[in-house]
Structures are given as C-alpha cells and as structure tokens.
Amino acid sequence: MNDVSKRRGASRRTVRVRASGWVLAAVPLGLACSNRRQVTPPAVPVTVARAEQRTVPFEITAPGTVEPMRAVAVSAQVSGIVTSVRFREGDDVREGEVLGQIDPRPYRNALQQAEATLARDLIQLANARRQVERYQGLAQSEYITTEQFEALQTSAQALEATVQSDSAAVDNARLNLEYTTIRSPISGRTGSLLIKEGNVVRAQGSGPLVAVNQTQPILVRFAVPAPFLPVIRQHQGGGLVARVRPTNDTASLSGTLIFVDNAVDTTTGTIMLKARFANPGGQLWPGQFVTATLVVYEERDVVLVPVPAVVEAEGGTYVYVVSTDNQAETRPVVVGRSVGDDVVVTQGLAAGETIVTDGQLRLFPGARVQIRNVTDPRRGRS
C-alpha cells in the first residue's frame, strides 16, 4: 500500500511539473506574438527631388527636313561641244565662277559676221542721210519731184531699221558667245557631274550639267499640328526662334522662322513652316532628317518635377510627397507638357516640396521613407 501511494504521489508531481512547464512555455510564446504585432515596418529606401519653379520656353517639336535655300540645275544655254569642265564634284563654288566651257569658235565667228553686217549698213545709212540732206533743197526748189525726194527718205528710214536690227543681232551674237562660258548662278556646293568633256550639248535639251545647292544659309521645313497655328501667329511678329540638332553629339543650331504656309494640309491636319539657319559649319545638309523645335514664348513661374516622379493609375495621376517627418503621402496632380527630362505640374504641387522619383512601388500613404544620398537633389540621381 505504501508503494502504491508513493507511485501515485510521484505521478501527480510529474503532471504538475509538466503542466507548469506548459504554462511557462506558453508565456514566452504569447509575449513573442505580442511583440511581433507591435513591430514597425522598416523604412522604404527612396530617391527624391525637389519641385522647381522657373521660367521655361513654350516649344513645339516636330520632325523636319533640310532643304537648300536655293537649288539650281546649271544647263547649257547654247549648243556645242563641252571642251572643258573646271570644277570637281562636291566643290564649293561662288556666284559667277566658271564651271565649264563650250567650244566658242562658231559663236565668235557669228559675232564677227554680225558686227561686219552692222558696219556695212551703218555706212549705207550715213550715205542715205547725206542724200536726203543734199536733195532736200532741190526738192524745195522743185528741181526734183516730191516722189523722188520721198523715195530717198524712205530708203534712209529703211536703213535705220536695218541698222537697229543689225545692232540687235550683234548683241545676240555677243550674248551667245558669253553663254559658251558656263558660270554658276549662285554660291553653293556642286553635285554630281552629269555631262562630261567632249559631250555635245543642246540648248535647253541636254539636261543639266550639274546641280548647285546653296547651303549657307539653309532651310529646314517642318509641319506642326494646326491647333498651334493661333499661338504661332500671335507671337510671329517678334521673330520666332527655331532650333535643330543635326546629330545627338552636337550642339543645337538656332535659326529664324521665315515662312508659315497659307493653308492647312487637310490630309494631315498640319501647317507647313520653314526656318532659316546660317549653317556656318555646314552641319545641316540638304535632304537630312532633323528634329526641329520652335520656341514660341517663355512661360514664367512654372512648377516642374522629373518625369519619373509622376505615377499614373486608374484613379488618376499623382506623386508621392515626403513630409518633414519622412513620411510619404499621395498627392493628386494635374500635369502638362514635357520640358526635357521634366514635366510641368499645373495643379496640386508647390515649388520646393520633396517628391519621390524612385521607389514608389513599395510605398503607401503614411509609409516611412529612407532618403538615399543623391548627388543632384533636384534630379534625384544617385
């Protein structure tokens, strides 16, 4: 009996110890769960920038095509054999510079013949005039008939007309002789040589000898949407500035708007514009495709943020603003046009506010943020 009682007592003590152990084990577990519920989420690392307020130009950008200020196809104006070509393809030539020569001998002979004919008729005219003067007194004294005197006058007048015709023939022959020397009508750059030495050319019938394009100054033609026409016309009187960038690694060139077409293209809904550029270094080339930017006016006190700061969702457009205690809040905004790497904010944001430019995917209203160190706080580049 005593042994049984001892075993029962030991068993009760074991149960009580185990039960006490369960209770003790449950206490840390409950405390751990309580502590887990109270843990604050870690701060979200973000890159930030400040909203800026500055003056920015109102610009219209469109694709454009470079075209020469003037383009001339130089053709022969008289027929003959091309005896020499005095330029190389791609040369820069000046206005009046000799490009080629057509055999001048037939035209020199024609000029000499015309001059001889004129000299002969001038002698005959002088003789006819002397006869009129000589017989005028005889006609008044009725030593010759009126009909005879009038015949002398008619002969003199006919010779005067002949001399005028001869003078015109001399001028024409001299002009044809000058045309045997082919000159550039403009300053510019020559293209491919289309007619070689020894070829026979015909006036207005053999095609051009060469094309010359004037590239200094030069034009850029581009089309903008028709809704921009009123604002362009409003500011056109001040001389609008246009810019183009020939390549990505060169500085932009500035020019002046010189032409606004008189009609909107109904098929595209655009209006054609042309701008003139000095092109001193020859960076713009006829036929080249460029991006043209027309600066219409300057807009003052515009709020700008980097493009990555703007988040677009079904509920609208917003940015994350960082408060002074490093908490993020969503701010609905209204955005306008892009200006380089920035976008204009027309409503919802003030200049100087700190906005998130990278890390928005992990943010929510009220989230704590950890601002990364940045080299350029405005742009948010690390």
Protein backbone atom coordinates (compact mmCIF):
# COMPACT_ATOMS: atom_id res chain seq x y z
CA MET A 1 0.00 0.00 0.00
CA ASN A 2 2.75 2.32 0.77
CA ASP A 3 4.44 1.64 -2.59
CA VAL A 4 1.24 2.33 -4.47
CA SER A 5 0.74 5.56 -2.62
CA LYS A 6 4.27 6.64 -3.40
CA ARG A 7 3.85 5.93 -7.12
CA ARG A 8 0.60 7.91 -7.25
CA GLY A 9 2.22 10.82 -5.47
CA ALA A 10 5.14 10.84 -7.87
CA SER A 11 2.80 10.76 -10.83
CA ARG A 12 0.84 13.74 -9.54
CA ARG A 13 4.05 15.70 -9.06
CA THR A 14 5.15 14.85 -12.61
CA VAL A 15 1.86 16.06 -14.05
CA ARG A 16 2.05 19.23 -12.03
CA VAL A 17 5.60 19.87 -13.23
CA ARG A 18 4.68 19.20 -16.82
CA ALA A 19 1.62 21.38 -16.55
CA SER A 20 3.71 24.08 -15.04
CA GLY A 21 6.15 23.67 -17.92
CA TRP A 22 3.37 24.10 -20.45
CA VAL A 23 2.24 27.25 -18.74
CA LEU A 24 5.78 28.59 -18.64
CA ALA A 25 6.32 27.72 -22.30
CA ALA A 26 3.13 29.46 -23.28
CA VAL A 27 4.13 32.71 -21.60
CA PRO A 28 7.14 33.46 -23.91
CA LEU A 29 5.11 32.41 -26.94
CA GLY A 30 2.38 34.90 -26.10
CA LEU A 31 4.91 37.62 -25.44
CA ALA A 32 6.56 36.91 -28.80
CA CYS A 33 3.24 37.18 -30.63
CA SER A 34 2.52 40.42 -28.84
CA ASN A 35 5.94 41.82 -29.75
CA ARG A 36 5.51 40.78 -33.42
CA ARG A 37 2.28 42.72 -33.67
CA GLN A 38 4.00 45.84 -32.37
CA VAL A 39 7.00 45.78 -34.80
CA THR A 40 7.10 48.90 -37.05
CA PRO A 41 7.65 48.21 -40.78
CA PRO A 42 11.11 49.23 -41.96
CA ALA A 43 11.55 52.49 -43.82
CA VAL A 44 11.38 52.25 -47.60
CA PRO A 45 14.53 53.50 -49.37
CA VAL A 46 13.64 56.09 -52.00
CA THR A 47 15.28 58.67 -54.21
CA VAL A 48 13.85 62.16 -54.02
CA ALA A 49 13.97 65.51 -55.77
CA ARG A 50 12.52 68.93 -55.16
CA ALA A 51 9.79 70.51 -57.25
CA GLU A 52 11.27 73.52 -59.02
CA GLN A 53 9.75 76.79 -60.12
CA ARG A 54 11.39 78.50 -63.08
CA THR A 55 10.83 80.12 -66.46
CA VAL A 56 10.61 77.64 -69.32
CA PRO A 57 10.06 78.16 -73.04
CA PHE A 58 6.85 77.06 -74.71
CA GLU A 59 8.16 74.89 -77.51
CA ILE A 60 6.69 72.90 -80.39
CA THR A 61 8.77 69.98 -81.61
CA ALA A 62 8.30 68.22 -84.93
CA PRO A 63 10.34 66.18 -87.41
CA GLY A 64 11.83 68.26 -90.20
CA THR A 65 13.71 68.01 -93.47
CA VAL A 66 16.67 70.14 -94.51
CA GLU A 67 16.44 71.74 -97.94
CA PRO A 68 18.72 74.19 -99.78
CA MET A 69 17.99 77.88 -99.71
CA ARG A 70 18.25 77.80 -103.49
CA ALA A 71 18.78 74.88 -105.84
CA VAL A 72 19.81 75.47 -109.45
CA ALA A 73 20.26 72.97 -112.27
CA VAL A 74 23.00 74.53 -114.41
CA SER A 75 22.27 73.83 -118.09
CA ALA A 76 23.83 74.89 -121.37
CA GLN A 77 22.18 77.91 -122.97
CA VAL A 78 23.83 77.35 -126.35
CA SER A 79 24.58 74.20 -128.31
CA GLY A 80 28.07 72.86 -128.88
CA ILE A 81 30.83 70.59 -127.65
CA VAL A 82 31.88 70.77 -124.00
CA THR A 83 35.60 71.49 -124.24
CA SER A 84 36.40 71.73 -120.52
CA VAL A 85 34.94 71.25 -117.03
CA ARG A 86 36.55 73.47 -114.41
CA PHE A 87 35.24 72.08 -111.14
CA ARG A 88 35.23 68.83 -109.22
CA GLU A 89 32.14 67.13 -107.93
CA GLY A 90 31.32 68.38 -104.44
CA ASP A 91 33.28 71.63 -104.77
CA ASP A 92 32.06 74.82 -103.15
CA VAL A 93 31.68 77.45 -105.87
CA ARG A 94 30.99 81.17 -105.83
CA GLU A 95 28.37 83.02 -107.81
CA GLY A 96 29.76 83.74 -111.29
CA GLU A 97 32.55 81.16 -111.03
CA VAL A 98 33.33 79.34 -114.30
CA LEU A 99 32.10 75.74 -114.29
CA GLY A 100 32.72 74.72 -117.89
CA GLN A 101 33.36 75.82 -121.46
CA ILE A 102 31.54 75.12 -124.72
CA ASP A 103 33.51 75.48 -127.96
CA PRO A 104 33.28 79.25 -128.59
CA ARG A 105 34.60 79.37 -132.17
CA PRO A 106 31.27 79.15 -134.03
CA TYR A 107 29.82 81.86 -131.82
CA ARG A 108 32.89 84.10 -132.17
CA ASN A 109 32.56 83.83 -135.94
CA ALA A 110 28.84 84.63 -135.73
CA LEU A 111 29.63 87.73 -133.70
CA GLN A 112 32.21 88.93 -136.19
CA GLN A 113 29.76 88.41 -139.05
CA ALA A 114 27.05 90.35 -137.23
CA GLU A 115 29.46 93.19 -136.49
CA ALA A 116 30.51 93.33 -140.16
CA THR A 117 26.90 93.48 -141.31
CA LEU A 118 26.24 96.29 -138.87
CA ALA A 119 29.27 98.23 -140.09
CA ARG A 120 28.18 97.87 -143.75
CA ASP A 121 24.65 99.04 -143.02
CA LEU A 122 25.89 101.96 -140.96
CA ILE A 123 27.86 103.17 -143.98
CA GLN A 124 24.82 102.82 -146.21
CA LEU A 125 22.68 104.69 -143.67
CA ALA A 126 25.16 107.55 -143.49
CA ASN A 127 25.17 107.80 -147.30
CA ALA A 128 21.36 107.78 -147.42
CA ARG A 129 21.15 110.56 -144.86
CA ARG A 130 23.59 112.70 -146.86
CA GLN A 131 21.48 112.21 -149.96
CA VAL A 132 18.36 113.30 -148.11
CA GLU A 133 20.12 116.45 -146.91
CA ARG A 134 21.51 117.15 -150.40
CA TYR A 135 18.24 116.73 -152.24
CA GLN A 136 16.09 118.46 -149.65
CA GLY A 137 16.96 121.89 -151.09
CA LEU A 138 16.42 120.68 -154.64
CA ALA A 139 13.01 119.37 -153.70
CA GLN A 140 12.08 122.72 -152.21
CA SER A 141 13.23 124.41 -155.43
CA GLU A 142 11.29 121.80 -157.38
CA TYR A 143 14.37 120.60 -159.28
CA ILE A 144 13.30 117.07 -158.34
CA THR A 145 9.85 115.73 -157.82
CA THR A 146 8.31 115.14 -154.44
CA GLU A 147 8.10 111.44 -155.20
CA GLN A 148 11.85 111.25 -155.81
CA PHE A 149 12.63 113.01 -152.53
CA GLU A 150 10.21 110.81 -150.57
CA ALA A 151 11.87 107.73 -152.05
CA LEU A 152 15.21 108.95 -150.72
CA GLN A 153 13.66 109.50 -147.27
CA THR A 154 12.10 106.04 -147.29
CA SER A 155 15.42 104.46 -148.21
CA ALA A 156 17.13 106.24 -145.31
CA GLN A 157 14.41 105.19 -142.86
CA ALA A 158 14.65 101.57 -144.03
CA LEU A 159 18.38 101.62 -143.48
CA GLU A 160 17.82 103.00 -139.95
CA ALA A 161 15.60 99.99 -139.20
CA THR A 162 18.20 97.68 -140.72
CA VAL A 163 20.89 99.16 -138.52
CA GLN A 164 18.72 98.64 -135.43
CA SER A 165 18.20 95.02 -136.45
CA ASP A 166 21.92 94.61 -137.03
CA SER A 167 22.64 96.05 -133.58
CA ALA A 168 20.27 93.54 -132.00
CA ALA A 169 21.94 90.74 -133.96
CA VAL A 170 25.34 91.85 -132.67
CA ASP A 171 24.05 91.90 -129.09
CA ASN A 172 22.54 88.44 -129.53
CA ALA A 173 25.74 87.04 -131.03
CA ARG A 174 27.80 88.56 -128.23
CA LEU A 175 25.41 87.06 -125.65
CA ASN A 176 25.66 83.62 -127.26
CA LEU A 177 29.43 83.88 -127.14
CA GLU A 178 29.23 84.71 -123.43
CA TYR A 179 26.96 81.69 -122.91
CA THR A 180 29.71 79.38 -124.13
CA THR A 181 31.34 80.02 -120.75
CA ILE A 182 29.15 78.22 -118.21
CA ARG A 183 29.06 80.03 -114.87
CA SER A 184 27.44 79.22 -111.54
CA PRO A 185 24.39 81.44 -111.00
CA ILE A 186 24.61 81.08 -107.19
CA SER A 187 27.11 80.34 -104.46
CA GLY A 188 26.81 76.79 -103.21
CA ARG A 189 28.03 73.23 -103.44
CA THR A 190 28.14 71.26 -106.66
CA GLY A 191 26.66 67.80 -107.03
CA SER A 192 27.41 65.01 -109.46
CA LEU A 193 28.80 65.96 -112.87
CA LEU A 194 26.13 64.89 -115.35
CA ILE A 195 27.81 65.89 -118.64
CA LYS A 196 31.48 65.14 -119.29
CA GLU A 197 34.06 66.81 -121.51
CA GLY A 198 33.59 66.06 -125.20
CA ASN A 199 29.84 65.63 -124.98
CA VAL A 200 27.65 67.60 -127.35
CA VAL A 201 25.03 69.64 -125.54
CA ARG A 202 21.98 71.35 -126.92
CA ALA A 203 20.41 74.50 -125.60
CA GLN A 204 17.54 73.58 -123.25
CA GLY A 205 17.61 69.99 -124.50
CA SER A 206 20.50 68.02 -123.00
CA GLY A 207 19.69 68.18 -119.32
CA PRO A 208 21.74 69.95 -116.67
CA LEU A 209 25.50 69.94 -116.47
CA VAL A 210 25.41 69.94 -112.66
CA ALA A 211 23.13 70.88 -109.76
CA VAL A 212 24.28 73.56 -107.32
CA ASN A 213 22.68 73.80 -103.86
CA GLN A 214 23.00 76.87 -101.67
CA THR A 215 23.63 75.59 -98.14
CA GLN A 216 24.67 78.81 -96.38
CA PRO A 217 22.10 79.85 -95.34
CA ILE A 218 19.90 76.78 -95.45
CA LEU A 219 16.24 75.96 -94.74
CA VAL A 220 14.52 73.41 -92.51
CA ARG A 221 10.95 72.52 -93.45
CA PHE A 222 8.66 71.01 -90.80
CA ALA A 223 4.94 70.66 -90.11
CA VAL A 224 3.15 71.27 -86.80
CA PRO A 225 -0.43 70.42 -85.80
CA ALA A 226 -2.92 73.03 -86.94
CA PRO A 227 -4.17 73.83 -83.38
CA PHE A 228 -0.80 75.51 -82.73
CA LEU A 229 -1.37 78.00 -85.56
CA PRO A 230 -3.12 80.72 -83.46
CA VAL A 231 -0.35 80.89 -80.86
CA ILE A 232 2.31 80.90 -83.59
CA ARG A 233 0.64 83.76 -85.41
CA GLN A 234 0.17 85.64 -82.14
CA HIS A 235 3.92 85.66 -81.44
CA GLN A 236 5.23 85.59 -85.01
CA GLY A 237 5.78 89.34 -85.17
CA GLY A 238 8.60 89.14 -82.65
CA GLY A 239 10.67 86.82 -84.81
CA LEU A 240 10.32 83.27 -83.52
CA VAL A 241 13.46 81.23 -82.88
CA ALA A 242 13.79 77.69 -84.20
CA ARG A 243 16.39 75.14 -83.12
CA VAL A 244 17.62 71.93 -84.68
CA ARG A 245 20.18 69.37 -83.59
CA PRO A 246 21.98 67.75 -86.55
CA THR A 247 23.24 64.76 -84.52
CA ASN A 248 22.95 63.61 -80.94
CA ASP A 249 26.53 64.57 -80.14
CA THR A 250 26.45 68.13 -81.48
CA ALA A 251 25.08 71.36 -80.10
CA SER A 252 21.79 72.63 -81.43
CA LEU A 253 21.74 75.33 -84.10
CA SER A 254 19.50 78.40 -83.85
CA GLY A 255 17.59 79.92 -86.74
CA THR A 256 14.60 82.12 -87.51
CA LEU A 257 11.10 81.23 -88.63
CA ILE A 258 10.61 82.83 -92.06
CA PHE A 259 7.57 81.10 -93.54
CA VAL A 260 4.12 79.93 -92.43
CA ASP A 261 2.09 78.27 -95.16
CA ASN A 262 -1.16 79.91 -96.25
CA ALA A 263 -3.26 76.76 -95.87
CA VAL A 264 -3.62 73.76 -93.56
CA ASP A 265 -2.96 70.38 -95.13
CA THR A 266 -6.38 68.74 -94.91
CA THR A 267 -4.95 65.22 -95.20
CA THR A 268 -2.61 65.54 -92.21
CA GLY A 269 -4.14 68.42 -90.25
CA THR A 270 -0.79 70.21 -90.11
CA ILE A 271 0.59 73.56 -91.22
CA MET A 272 3.94 73.79 -93.03
CA LEU A 273 6.68 76.03 -91.58
CA LYS A 274 10.19 76.93 -92.74
CA ALA A 275 13.09 78.24 -90.70
CA ARG A 276 16.36 79.69 -91.98
CA PHE A 277 19.74 78.76 -90.45
CA ALA A 278 23.12 80.37 -91.12
CA ASN A 279 24.77 76.91 -91.13
CA PRO A 280 28.33 78.30 -90.94
CA GLY A 281 29.98 74.93 -90.39
CA GLY A 282 27.87 73.10 -92.95
CA GLN A 283 26.38 70.79 -90.31
CA LEU A 284 22.98 70.83 -91.99
CA TRP A 285 22.77 69.01 -95.31
CA PRO A 286 20.00 69.04 -97.94
CA GLY A 287 17.73 66.03 -97.55
CA GLN A 288 18.81 65.41 -93.96
CA PHE A 289 16.15 64.50 -91.39
CA VAL A 290 16.28 66.50 -88.16
CA THR A 291 14.14 67.30 -85.15
CA ALA A 292 13.03 70.93 -85.24
CA THR A 293 11.93 72.87 -82.17
CA LEU A 294 10.05 76.16 -82.47
CA VAL A 295 10.33 78.42 -79.41
CA VAL A 296 7.04 80.33 -79.29
CA TYR A 297 7.28 82.21 -75.97
CA GLU A 298 8.57 81.91 -72.40
CA GLU A 299 6.29 80.77 -69.58
CA ARG A 300 7.14 82.12 -66.12
CA ASP A 301 6.80 80.58 -62.62
CA VAL A 302 6.19 77.05 -63.85
CA VAL A 303 6.41 74.15 -61.37
CA LEU A 304 8.49 71.27 -62.74
CA VAL A 305 9.24 67.75 -61.49
CA PRO A 306 11.28 64.95 -63.05
CA VAL A 307 9.22 62.68 -65.28
CA PRO A 308 9.79 59.53 -63.14
CA ALA A 309 8.09 61.23 -60.18
CA VAL A 310 4.68 61.13 -61.86
CA VAL A 311 2.62 57.98 -61.27
CA GLU A 312 -0.37 57.23 -63.47
CA ALA A 313 -3.08 54.91 -62.17
CA GLU A 314 -6.75 54.20 -62.73
CA GLY A 315 -7.67 56.76 -60.10
CA GLY A 316 -5.70 59.49 -61.80
CA THR A 317 -2.23 60.99 -61.78
CA TYR A 318 -0.34 61.58 -58.54
CA VAL A 319 3.07 61.97 -56.95
CA TYR A 320 4.45 60.85 -53.60
CA VAL A 321 5.34 63.82 -51.40
CA VAL A 322 7.76 63.32 -48.49
CA SER A 323 6.80 65.24 -45.36
CA THR A 324 9.21 66.75 -42.85
CA ASP A 325 8.96 63.63 -40.65
CA ASN A 326 9.94 61.40 -43.60
CA GLN A 327 6.51 60.00 -44.28
CA ALA A 328 5.10 59.53 -47.78
CA GLU A 329 1.73 60.84 -48.84
CA THR A 330 0.00 60.67 -52.21
CA ARG A 331 -0.80 63.97 -53.88
CA PRO A 332 -3.12 64.12 -56.92
CA VAL A 333 -1.67 66.43 -59.56
CA VAL A 334 -2.51 67.77 -63.00
CA VAL A 335 0.41 67.61 -65.41
CA GLY A 336 1.00 69.44 -68.67
CA ARG A 337 3.69 69.32 -71.31
CA SER A 338 7.15 67.84 -71.00
CA VAL A 339 10.23 70.06 -70.84
CA GLY A 340 13.31 67.94 -71.44
CA ASP A 341 13.55 65.42 -68.58
CA ASP A 342 10.90 67.26 -66.57
CA VAL A 343 7.14 67.63 -66.73
CA VAL A 344 5.04 70.69 -65.91
CA VAL A 345 2.69 70.38 -62.92
CA THR A 346 -0.18 72.81 -63.33
CA GLN A 347 -2.12 71.87 -60.15
CA GLY A 348 -1.55 70.06 -56.87
CA LEU A 349 2.09 70.79 -56.07
CA ALA A 350 4.08 73.75 -54.84
CA ALA A 351 7.66 74.64 -55.59
CA GLY A 352 10.14 73.34 -53.04
CA GLU A 353 8.18 70.26 -51.98
CA THR A 354 10.11 66.99 -51.84
CA ILE A 355 8.81 64.30 -54.14
CA VAL A 356 9.83 60.67 -54.73
CA THR A 357 11.44 59.87 -58.06
CA ASP A 358 12.38 56.22 -57.47
CA GLY A 359 10.98 53.52 -55.14
CA GLN A 360 7.26 54.29 -55.48
CA LEU A 361 6.29 50.62 -55.95
CA ARG A 362 6.83 49.84 -52.25
CA LEU A 363 5.18 52.99 -50.94
CA PHE A 364 1.74 53.55 -49.47
CA PRO A 365 0.18 56.58 -47.74
CA GLY A 366 1.88 57.09 -44.39
CA ALA A 367 4.85 54.86 -45.14
CA ARG A 368 8.15 55.83 -43.59
CA VAL A 369 10.88 56.51 -46.11
CA GLN A 370 14.65 56.47 -46.00
CA ILE A 371 16.06 59.06 -48.36
CA ARG A 372 19.06 57.87 -50.30
CA ASN A 373 22.04 60.13 -50.70
CA VAL A 374 21.96 61.80 -54.10
CA THR A 375 24.46 63.85 -55.98
CA ASP A 376 21.85 66.04 -57.62
CA PRO A 377 18.89 66.52 -55.23
CA ARG A 378 16.75 68.14 -57.89
CA ARG A 379 17.14 65.38 -60.44
CA GLY A 380 17.32 62.56 -57.94
CA ARG A 381 20.37 60.91 -59.49
CA SER A 382 22.49 58.85 -57.13
